[in-house]
Amino acid sequence: QILPLDAEAKQLGWNIRVTPKLRRLSTLTFGIVG
């Protein structure tokens, strides 16, 4: 969530509203078509 965090920081805020979308890569499946 790099872009939302950047926008949040530039509003001088630290609520980290996007916490539910921040993921640990090792728990995720990366699916490729082609």
Full PDB file with SEQRES, HELIX, SHEET, SSBOND, CRYST1, ORIGX, SCALE, CONECT and MASTER records, all heavy atoms in Angstrom:
SEQRES   1 A   34  GLN ILE LEU PRO LEU ASP ALA GLU ALA LYS GLN LEU GLY          
SEQRES   2 A   34  TRP ASN ILE ARG VAL THR PRO LYS LEU ARG ARG LEU SER          
SEQRES   3 A   34  THR LEU THR PHE GLY ILE VAL GLY                              
HELIX    1 AA1 ILE A    2  LYS A   10  1                                   9    
HELIX    2 AA2 THR A   19  LYS A   21  5                                   3    
HELIX    3 AA3 LEU A   25  THR A   27  5                                   3    
CRYST1    1.000    1.000    1.000  90.00  90.00  90.00 P 1           1          
ORIGX1      1.000000  0.000000  0.000000        0.00000                         
ORIGX2      0.000000  1.000000  0.000000        0.00000                         
ORIGX3      0.000000  0.000000  1.000000        0.00000                         
SCALE1      1.000000  0.000000  0.000000        0.00000                         
SCALE2      0.000000  1.000000  0.000000        0.00000                         
SCALE3      0.000000  0.000000  1.000000        0.00000                         
ATOM      1  N   GLN A   1       0.811  -1.217   0.000  1.00  0.00           N  
ATOM      2  CA  GLN A   1       0.000   0.000   0.000  1.00  0.00           C  
ATOM      3  C   GLN A   1       0.851   1.276   0.000  1.00  0.00           C  
ATOM      4  O   GLN A   1       0.608   2.231   0.752  1.00  0.00           O  
ATOM      5  CB  GLN A   1      -0.966  -0.025   1.190  1.00  0.00           C  
ATOM      6  CG  GLN A   1      -2.054  -1.076   1.087  1.00  0.00           C  
ATOM      7  CD  GLN A   1      -3.063  -0.749  -0.003  1.00  0.00           C  
ATOM      8  OE1 GLN A   1      -3.879   0.144   0.126  1.00  0.00           O  
ATOM      9  NE2 GLN A   1      -2.996  -1.496  -1.113  1.00  0.00           N  
ATOM     10  N   ILE A   2       1.839   1.293  -0.862  1.00  0.00           N  
ATOM     11  CA  ILE A   2       2.817   2.386  -0.879  1.00  0.00           C  
ATOM     12  C   ILE A   2       2.163   3.732  -1.194  1.00  0.00           C  
ATOM     13  O   ILE A   2       2.431   4.743  -0.521  1.00  0.00           O  
ATOM     14  CB  ILE A   2       3.944   2.086  -1.884  1.00  0.00           C  
ATOM     15  CG1 ILE A   2       4.697   0.802  -1.496  1.00  0.00           C  
ATOM     16  CG2 ILE A   2       4.906   3.259  -1.987  1.00  0.00           C  
ATOM     17  CD1 ILE A   2       5.331   0.831  -0.124  1.00  0.00           C  
ATOM     18  N   LEU A   3       1.300   3.780  -2.210  1.00  0.00           N  
ATOM     19  CA  LEU A   3       0.708   5.073  -2.583  1.00  0.00           C  
ATOM     20  C   LEU A   3      -0.253   5.618  -1.530  1.00  0.00           C  
ATOM     21  O   LEU A   3      -0.164   6.807  -1.174  1.00  0.00           O  
ATOM     22  CB  LEU A   3       0.032   4.968  -3.949  1.00  0.00           C  
ATOM     23  CG  LEU A   3       0.950   5.301  -5.142  1.00  0.00           C  
ATOM     24  CD1 LEU A   3       2.104   4.331  -5.243  1.00  0.00           C  
ATOM     25  CD2 LEU A   3       0.153   5.313  -6.447  1.00  0.00           C  
ATOM     26  N   PRO A   4      -1.163   4.806  -0.981  1.00  0.00           N  
ATOM     27  CA  PRO A   4      -2.011   5.348   0.089  1.00  0.00           C  
ATOM     28  C   PRO A   4      -1.217   5.790   1.320  1.00  0.00           C  
ATOM     29  O   PRO A   4      -1.563   6.797   1.946  1.00  0.00           O  
ATOM     30  CB  PRO A   4      -2.941   4.174   0.424  1.00  0.00           C  
ATOM     31  CG  PRO A   4      -2.977   3.364  -0.822  1.00  0.00           C  
ATOM     32  CD  PRO A   4      -1.592   3.469  -1.398  1.00  0.00           C  
ATOM     33  N   LEU A   5      -0.166   5.058   1.665  1.00  0.00           N  
ATOM     34  CA  LEU A   5       0.650   5.450   2.812  1.00  0.00           C  
ATOM     35  C   LEU A   5       1.393   6.759   2.550  1.00  0.00           C  
ATOM     36  O   LEU A   5       1.531   7.604   3.442  1.00  0.00           O  
ATOM     37  CB  LEU A   5       1.637   4.339   3.166  1.00  0.00           C  
ATOM     38  CG  LEU A   5       1.018   3.083   3.785  1.00  0.00           C  
ATOM     39  CD1 LEU A   5       2.060   1.974   3.890  1.00  0.00           C  
ATOM     40  CD2 LEU A   5       0.434   3.386   5.169  1.00  0.00           C  
ATOM     41  N   ASP A   6       1.859   6.917   1.326  1.00  0.00           N  
ATOM     42  CA  ASP A   6       2.517   8.171   0.945  1.00  0.00           C  
ATOM     43  C   ASP A   6       1.540   9.339   1.074  1.00  0.00           C  
ATOM     44  O   ASP A   6       1.876  10.391   1.640  1.00  0.00           O  
ATOM     45  CB  ASP A   6       3.027   8.064  -0.496  1.00  0.00           C  
ATOM     46  CG  ASP A   6       3.577   9.364  -1.030  1.00  0.00           C  
ATOM     47  OD1 ASP A   6       4.668   9.767  -0.612  1.00  0.00           O  
ATOM     48  OD2 ASP A   6       2.890   9.995  -1.868  1.00  0.00           O  
ATOM     49  N   ALA A   7       0.313   9.144   0.576  1.00  0.00           N  
ATOM     50  CA  ALA A   7      -0.701  10.211   0.669  1.00  0.00           C  
ATOM     51  C   ALA A   7      -1.041  10.516   2.125  1.00  0.00           C  
ATOM     52  O   ALA A   7      -1.198  11.683   2.512  1.00  0.00           O  
ATOM     53  CB  ALA A   7      -1.959   9.795  -0.095  1.00  0.00           C  
ATOM     54  N   GLU A   8      -1.139   9.485   2.947  1.00  0.00           N  
ATOM     55  CA  GLU A   8      -1.448   9.674   4.366  1.00  0.00           C  
ATOM     56  C   GLU A   8      -0.336  10.455   5.062  1.00  0.00           C  
ATOM     57  O   GLU A   8      -0.597  11.398   5.824  1.00  0.00           O  
ATOM     58  CB  GLU A   8      -1.641   8.307   5.033  1.00  0.00           C  
ATOM     59  CG  GLU A   8      -1.905   8.355   6.523  1.00  0.00           C  
ATOM     60  CD  GLU A   8      -3.295   8.873   6.857  1.00  0.00           C  
ATOM     61  OE1 GLU A   8      -4.148   8.921   5.958  1.00  0.00           O  
ATOM     62  OE2 GLU A   8      -3.520   9.236   8.023  1.00  0.00           O  
ATOM     63  N   ALA A   9       0.905  10.081   4.801  1.00  0.00           N  
ATOM     64  CA  ALA A   9       2.030  10.759   5.446  1.00  0.00           C  
ATOM     65  C   ALA A   9       2.085  12.232   5.050  1.00  0.00           C  
ATOM     66  O   ALA A   9       2.405  13.094   5.877  1.00  0.00           O  
ATOM     67  CB  ALA A   9       3.332  10.063   5.073  1.00  0.00           C  
ATOM     68  N   LYS A  10       1.736  12.542   3.813  1.00  0.00           N  
ATOM     69  CA  LYS A  10       1.810  13.911   3.329  1.00  0.00           C  
ATOM     70  C   LYS A  10       0.640  14.770   3.815  1.00  0.00           C  
ATOM     71  O   LYS A  10       0.656  15.986   3.638  1.00  0.00           O  
ATOM     72  CB  LYS A  10       1.905  13.908   1.799  1.00  0.00           C  
ATOM     73  CG  LYS A  10       3.272  13.388   1.332  1.00  0.00           C  
ATOM     74  CD  LYS A  10       3.366  13.241  -0.167  1.00  0.00           C  
ATOM     75  CE  LYS A  10       4.745  12.730  -0.557  1.00  0.00           C  
ATOM     76  NZ  LYS A  10       4.840  12.458  -2.020  1.00  0.00           N  
ATOM     77  N   GLN A  11      -0.341  14.135   4.415  1.00  0.00           N  
ATOM     78  CA  GLN A  11      -1.402  14.885   5.090  1.00  0.00           C  
ATOM     79  C   GLN A  11      -1.069  15.075   6.571  1.00  0.00           C  
ATOM     80  O   GLN A  11      -1.906  15.520   7.351  1.00  0.00           O  
ATOM     81  CB  GLN A  11      -2.729  14.129   4.957  1.00  0.00           C  
ATOM     82  CG  GLN A  11      -3.268  14.112   3.538  1.00  0.00           C  
ATOM     83  CD  GLN A  11      -4.520  13.259   3.406  1.00  0.00           C  
ATOM     84  OE1 GLN A  11      -5.108  12.860   4.401  1.00  0.00           O  
ATOM     85  NE2 GLN A  11      -4.922  12.981   2.169  1.00  0.00           N  
ATOM     86  N   LEU A  12       0.165  14.736   6.918  1.00  0.00           N  
ATOM     87  CA  LEU A  12       0.663  14.842   8.294  1.00  0.00           C  
ATOM     88  C   LEU A  12      -0.168  13.960   9.233  1.00  0.00           C  
ATOM     89  O   LEU A  12      -0.403  14.314  10.390  1.00  0.00           O  
ATOM     90  CB  LEU A  12       0.659  16.306   8.763  1.00  0.00           C  
ATOM     91  CG  LEU A  12       1.326  17.305   7.807  1.00  0.00           C  
ATOM     92  CD1 LEU A  12       1.299  18.702   8.408  1.00  0.00           C  
ATOM     93  CD2 LEU A  12       2.750  16.885   7.487  1.00  0.00           C  
ATOM     94  N   GLY A  13      -0.566  12.822   8.726  1.00  0.00           N  
ATOM     95  CA  GLY A  13      -1.376  11.915   9.527  1.00  0.00           C  
ATOM     96  C   GLY A  13      -0.727  10.554   9.638  1.00  0.00           C  
ATOM     97  O   GLY A  13       0.056  10.138   8.782  1.00  0.00           O  
ATOM     98  N   TRP A  14      -1.011   9.829  10.685  1.00  0.00           N  
ATOM     99  CA  TRP A  14      -0.391   8.525  10.913  1.00  0.00           C  
ATOM    100  C   TRP A  14      -1.428   7.496  11.348  1.00  0.00           C  
ATOM    101  O   TRP A  14      -1.190   6.649  12.187  1.00  0.00           O  
ATOM    102  CB  TRP A  14       0.697   8.637  11.987  1.00  0.00           C  
ATOM    103  CG  TRP A  14       1.827   9.507  11.548  1.00  0.00           C  
ATOM    104  CD1 TRP A  14       2.037  10.807  11.894  1.00  0.00           C  
ATOM    105  CD2 TRP A  14       2.896   9.157  10.662  1.00  0.00           C  
ATOM    106  NE1 TRP A  14       3.168  11.296  11.288  1.00  0.00           N  
ATOM    107  CE2 TRP A  14       3.723  10.295  10.512  1.00  0.00           C  
ATOM    108  CE3 TRP A  14       3.245   8.005   9.963  1.00  0.00           C  
ATOM    109  CZ2 TRP A  14       4.862  10.310   9.732  1.00  0.00           C  
ATOM    110  CZ3 TRP A  14       4.385   8.006   9.187  1.00  0.00           C  
ATOM    111  CH2 TRP A  14       5.181   9.147   9.069  1.00  0.00           C  
ATOM    112  N   ASN A  15      -2.605   7.553  10.769  1.00  0.00           N  
ATOM    113  CA  ASN A  15      -3.646   6.617  11.160  1.00  0.00           C  
ATOM    114  C   ASN A  15      -3.506   5.251  10.484  1.00  0.00           C  
ATOM    115  O   ASN A  15      -4.072   4.272  10.941  1.00  0.00           O  
ATOM    116  CB  ASN A  15      -5.033   7.191  10.824  1.00  0.00           C  
ATOM    117  CG  ASN A  15      -5.357   8.394  11.685  1.00  0.00           C  
ATOM    118  OD1 ASN A  15      -5.032   8.419  12.861  1.00  0.00           O  
ATOM    119  ND2 ASN A  15      -5.996   9.406  11.092  1.00  0.00           N  
ATOM    120  N   ILE A  16      -2.724   5.216   9.401  1.00  0.00           N  
ATOM    121  CA  ILE A  16      -2.507   3.988   8.623  1.00  0.00           C  
ATOM    122  C   ILE A  16      -3.850   3.304   8.353  1.00  0.00           C  
ATOM    123  O   ILE A  16      -4.110   2.166   8.757  1.00  0.00           O  
ATOM    124  CB  ILE A  16      -1.498   3.022   9.305  1.00  0.00           C  
ATOM    125  CG1 ILE A  16      -0.272   3.794   9.812  1.00  0.00           C  
ATOM    126  CG2 ILE A  16      -1.050   1.935   8.328  1.00  0.00           C  
ATOM    127  CD1 ILE A  16       0.824   2.930  10.399  1.00  0.00           C  
ATOM    128  N   ARG A  17      -4.691   4.007   7.660  1.00  0.00           N  
ATOM    129  CA  ARG A  17      -6.039   3.517   7.383  1.00  0.00           C  
ATOM    130  C   ARG A  17      -6.061   2.254   6.532  1.00  0.00           C  
ATOM    131  O   ARG A  17      -7.067   1.538   6.494  1.00  0.00           O  
ATOM    132  CB  ARG A  17      -6.846   4.617   6.688  1.00  0.00           C  
ATOM    133  CG  ARG A  17      -7.096   5.851   7.552  1.00  0.00           C  
ATOM    134  CD  ARG A  17      -7.881   6.895   6.790  1.00  0.00           C  
ATOM    135  NE  ARG A  17      -8.222   8.034   7.632  1.00  0.00           N  
ATOM    136  CZ  ARG A  17      -7.423   9.094   7.802  1.00  0.00           C  
ATOM    137  NH1 ARG A  17      -6.256   9.139   7.189  1.00  0.00           N  
ATOM    138  NH2 ARG A  17      -7.797  10.093   8.592  1.00  0.00           N  
ATOM    139  N   VAL A  18      -4.975   1.984   5.831  1.00  0.00           N  
ATOM    140  CA  VAL A  18      -4.963   0.844   4.907  1.00  0.00           C  
ATOM    141  C   VAL A  18      -4.415  -0.424   5.556  1.00  0.00           C  
ATOM    142  O   VAL A  18      -4.113  -1.399   4.865  1.00  0.00           O  
ATOM    143  CB  VAL A  18      -4.138   1.166   3.642  1.00  0.00           C  
ATOM    144  CG1 VAL A  18      -4.825   2.245   2.824  1.00  0.00           C  
ATOM    145  CG2 VAL A  18      -2.713   1.579   4.006  1.00  0.00           C  
ATOM    146  N   THR A  19      -4.295  -0.451   6.862  1.00  0.00           N  
ATOM    147  CA  THR A  19      -3.756  -1.629   7.554  1.00  0.00           C  
ATOM    148  C   THR A  19      -4.380  -2.937   7.080  1.00  0.00           C  
ATOM    149  O   THR A  19      -3.646  -3.926   6.870  1.00  0.00           O  
ATOM    150  CB  THR A  19      -3.929  -1.486   9.072  1.00  0.00           C  
ATOM    151  OG1 THR A  19      -3.155  -0.371   9.516  1.00  0.00           O  
ATOM    152  CG2 THR A  19      -3.441  -2.740   9.804  1.00  0.00           C  
ATOM    153  N   PRO A  20      -5.700  -3.044   6.874  1.00  0.00           N  
ATOM    154  CA  PRO A  20      -6.277  -4.329   6.453  1.00  0.00           C  
ATOM    155  C   PRO A  20      -5.757  -4.844   5.104  1.00  0.00           C  
ATOM    156  O   PRO A  20      -5.884  -6.024   4.810  1.00  0.00           O  
ATOM    157  CB  PRO A  20      -7.782  -4.026   6.373  1.00  0.00           C  
ATOM    158  CG  PRO A  20      -7.989  -2.870   7.292  1.00  0.00           C  
ATOM    159  CD  PRO A  20      -6.748  -2.048   7.155  1.00  0.00           C  
ATOM    160  N   LYS A  21      -5.207  -3.936   4.292  1.00  0.00           N  
ATOM    161  CA  LYS A  21      -4.708  -4.365   2.981  1.00  0.00           C  
ATOM    162  C   LYS A  21      -3.209  -4.664   2.981  1.00  0.00           C  
ATOM    163  O   LYS A  21      -2.677  -5.153   1.982  1.00  0.00           O  
ATOM    164  CB  LYS A  21      -5.008  -3.293   1.923  1.00  0.00           C  
ATOM    165  CG  LYS A  21      -6.485  -3.139   1.618  1.00  0.00           C  
ATOM    166  CD  LYS A  21      -6.693  -2.162   0.486  1.00  0.00           C  
ATOM    167  CE  LYS A  21      -8.180  -2.022   0.162  1.00  0.00           C  
ATOM    168  NZ  LYS A  21      -8.401  -1.096  -0.973  1.00  0.00           N  
ATOM    169  N   LEU A  22      -2.507  -4.358   4.052  1.00  0.00           N  
ATOM    170  CA  LEU A  22      -1.070  -4.612   4.131  1.00  0.00           C  
ATOM    171  C   LEU A  22      -0.846  -6.103   4.367  1.00  0.00           C  
ATOM    172  O   LEU A  22      -1.376  -6.678   5.318  1.00  0.00           O  
ATOM    173  CB  LEU A  22      -0.439  -3.787   5.255  1.00  0.00           C  
ATOM    174  CG  LEU A  22      -0.384  -2.285   5.003  1.00  0.00           C  
ATOM    175  CD1 LEU A  22      -0.042  -1.534   6.278  1.00  0.00           C  
ATOM    176  CD2 LEU A  22       0.628  -1.967   3.917  1.00  0.00           C  
ATOM    177  N   ARG A  23      -0.050  -6.746   3.471  1.00  0.00           N  
ATOM    178  CA  ARG A  23       0.062  -8.188   3.502  1.00  0.00           C  
ATOM    179  C   ARG A  23       1.506  -8.661   3.644  1.00  0.00           C  
ATOM    180  O   ARG A  23       2.442  -7.993   3.205  1.00  0.00           O  
ATOM    181  CB  ARG A  23      -0.529  -8.788   2.214  1.00  0.00           C  
ATOM    182  CG  ARG A  23      -1.964  -8.379   1.920  1.00  0.00           C  
ATOM    183  CD  ARG A  23      -2.933  -8.788   3.022  1.00  0.00           C  
ATOM    184  NE  ARG A  23      -2.920 -10.230   3.237  1.00  0.00           N  
ATOM    185  CZ  ARG A  23      -3.638 -11.106   2.539  1.00  0.00           C  
ATOM    186  NH1 ARG A  23      -4.435 -10.681   1.580  1.00  0.00           N  
ATOM    187  NH2 ARG A  23      -3.570 -12.392   2.816  1.00  0.00           N  
ATOM    188  N   ARG A  24       1.664  -9.831   4.257  1.00  0.00           N  
ATOM    189  CA  ARG A  24       2.954 -10.521   4.329  1.00  0.00           C  
ATOM    190  C   ARG A  24       3.104 -11.368   3.066  1.00  0.00           C  
ATOM    191  O   ARG A  24       2.308 -12.269   2.799  1.00  0.00           O  
ATOM    192  CB  ARG A  24       3.020 -11.407   5.570  1.00  0.00           C  
ATOM    193  CG  ARG A  24       4.315 -12.187   5.698  1.00  0.00           C  
ATOM    194  CD  ARG A  24       4.315 -13.094   6.914  1.00  0.00           C  
ATOM    195  NE  ARG A  24       4.335 -12.313   8.157  1.00  0.00           N  
ATOM    196  CZ  ARG A  24       4.274 -12.859   9.360  1.00  0.00           C  
ATOM    197  NH1 ARG A  24       4.168 -14.180   9.494  1.00  0.00           N  
ATOM    198  NH2 ARG A  24       4.320 -12.094  10.435  1.00  0.00           N  
ATOM    199  N   LEU A  25       4.147 -11.120   2.305  1.00  0.00           N  
ATOM    200  CA  LEU A  25       4.276 -11.759   0.996  1.00  0.00           C  
ATOM    201  C   LEU A  25       4.335 -13.276   1.086  1.00  0.00           C  
ATOM    202  O   LEU A  25       3.791 -13.990   0.228  1.00  0.00           O  
ATOM    203  CB  LEU A  25       5.521 -11.235   0.268  1.00  0.00           C  
ATOM    204  CG  LEU A  25       5.638  -9.719   0.082  1.00  0.00           C  
ATOM    205  CD1 LEU A  25       6.814  -9.396  -0.819  1.00  0.00           C  
ATOM    206  CD2 LEU A  25       4.357  -9.106  -0.468  1.00  0.00           C  
ATOM    207  N   SER A  26       4.976 -13.780   2.107  1.00  0.00           N  
ATOM    208  CA  SER A  26       5.165 -15.227   2.206  1.00  0.00           C  
ATOM    209  C   SER A  26       3.863 -15.975   2.458  1.00  0.00           C  
ATOM    210  O   SER A  26       3.821 -17.212   2.362  1.00  0.00           O  
ATOM    211  CB  SER A  26       6.173 -15.551   3.310  1.00  0.00           C  
ATOM    212  OG  SER A  26       5.696 -15.118   4.572  1.00  0.00           O  
ATOM    213  N   THR A  27       2.784 -15.259   2.764  1.00  0.00           N  
ATOM    214  CA  THR A  27       1.489 -15.904   2.963  1.00  0.00           C  
ATOM    215  C   THR A  27       0.620 -15.831   1.708  1.00  0.00           C  
ATOM    216  O   THR A  27      -0.501 -16.337   1.719  1.00  0.00           O  
ATOM    217  CB  THR A  27       0.726 -15.244   4.126  1.00  0.00           C  
ATOM    218  OG1 THR A  27       0.327 -13.913   3.740  1.00  0.00           O  
ATOM    219  CG2 THR A  27       1.572 -15.183   5.379  1.00  0.00           C  
ATOM    220  N   LEU A  28       1.119 -15.210   0.652  1.00  0.00           N  
ATOM    221  CA  LEU A  28       0.304 -14.925  -0.525  1.00  0.00           C  
ATOM    222  C   LEU A  28       0.654 -15.821  -1.706  1.00  0.00           C  
ATOM    223  O   LEU A  28       1.806 -16.248  -1.866  1.00  0.00           O  
ATOM    224  CB  LEU A  28       0.479 -13.465  -0.945  1.00  0.00           C  
ATOM    225  CG  LEU A  28       0.162 -12.395   0.114  1.00  0.00           C  
ATOM    226  CD1 LEU A  28       0.368 -11.016  -0.477  1.00  0.00           C  
ATOM    227  CD2 LEU A  28      -1.249 -12.560   0.654  1.00  0.00           C  
ATOM    228  N   THR A  29      -0.335 -16.052  -2.553  1.00  0.00           N  
ATOM    229  CA  THR A  29      -0.142 -16.788  -3.802  1.00  0.00           C  
ATOM    230  C   THR A  29      -0.132 -15.814  -4.969  1.00  0.00           C  
ATOM    231  O   THR A  29      -1.057 -15.008  -5.131  1.00  0.00           O  
ATOM    232  CB  THR A  29      -1.249 -17.831  -4.001  1.00  0.00           C  
ATOM    233  OG1 THR A  29      -1.150 -18.820  -2.960  1.00  0.00           O  
ATOM    234  CG2 THR A  29      -1.119 -18.518  -5.350  1.00  0.00           C  
ATOM    235  N   PHE A  30       0.924 -15.887  -5.746  1.00  0.00           N  
ATOM    236  CA  PHE A  30       1.121 -15.019  -6.914  1.00  0.00           C  
ATOM    237  C   PHE A  30       0.754 -15.843  -8.139  1.00  0.00           C  
ATOM    238  O   PHE A  30       1.431 -16.809  -8.488  1.00  0.00           O  
ATOM    239  CB  PHE A  30       2.590 -14.583  -6.970  1.00  0.00           C  
ATOM    240  CG  PHE A  30       2.891 -13.430  -7.884  1.00  0.00           C  
ATOM    241  CD1 PHE A  30       3.072 -12.154  -7.367  1.00  0.00           C  
ATOM    242  CD2 PHE A  30       3.021 -13.612  -9.256  1.00  0.00           C  
ATOM    243  CE1 PHE A  30       3.367 -11.085  -8.199  1.00  0.00           C  
ATOM    244  CE2 PHE A  30       3.309 -12.549 -10.095  1.00  0.00           C  
ATOM    245  CZ  PHE A  30       3.489 -11.280  -9.561  1.00  0.00           C  
ATOM    246  N   GLY A  31      -0.355 -15.473  -8.809  1.00  0.00           N  
ATOM    247  CA  GLY A  31      -0.847 -16.241  -9.946  1.00  0.00           C  
ATOM    248  C   GLY A  31      -0.519 -15.575 -11.265  1.00  0.00           C  
ATOM    249  O   GLY A  31      -0.870 -14.416 -11.486  1.00  0.00           O  
ATOM    250  N   ILE A  32       0.139 -16.310 -12.133  1.00  0.00           N  
ATOM    251  CA  ILE A  32       0.593 -15.777 -13.412  1.00  0.00           C  
ATOM    252  C   ILE A  32      -0.181 -16.438 -14.551  1.00  0.00           C  
ATOM    253  O   ILE A  32      -0.319 -17.659 -14.603  1.00  0.00           O  
ATOM    254  CB  ILE A  32       2.104 -16.027 -13.599  1.00  0.00           C  
ATOM    255  CG1 ILE A  32       2.894 -15.172 -12.608  1.00  0.00           C  
ATOM    256  CG2 ILE A  32       2.543 -15.739 -15.030  1.00  0.00           C  
ATOM    257  CD1 ILE A  32       4.381 -15.424 -12.640  1.00  0.00           C  
ATOM    258  N   VAL A  33      -0.688 -15.624 -15.465  1.00  0.00           N  
ATOM    259  CA  VAL A  33      -1.315 -16.121 -16.687  1.00  0.00           C  
ATOM    260  C   VAL A  33      -0.358 -15.852 -17.837  1.00  0.00           C  
ATOM    261  O   VAL A  33      -0.111 -14.699 -18.182  1.00  0.00           O  
ATOM    262  CB  VAL A  33      -2.669 -15.438 -16.943  1.00  0.00           C  
ATOM    263  CG1 VAL A  33      -3.270 -15.934 -18.261  1.00  0.00           C  
ATOM    264  CG2 VAL A  33      -3.629 -15.695 -15.797  1.00  0.00           C  
ATOM    265  N   GLY A  34       0.217 -16.912 -18.398  1.00  0.00           N  
ATOM    266  CA  GLY A  34       1.164 -16.784 -19.503  1.00  0.00           C  
ATOM    267  C   GLY A  34       2.602 -16.864 -19.034  1.00  0.00           C  
ATOM    268  O   GLY A  34       3.130 -15.890 -18.502  1.00  0.00           O  
TER     269      GLY A  34                                                      
MASTER        0    0    0    3    0    0    0    6  268    1    0    3          
END                                                                             
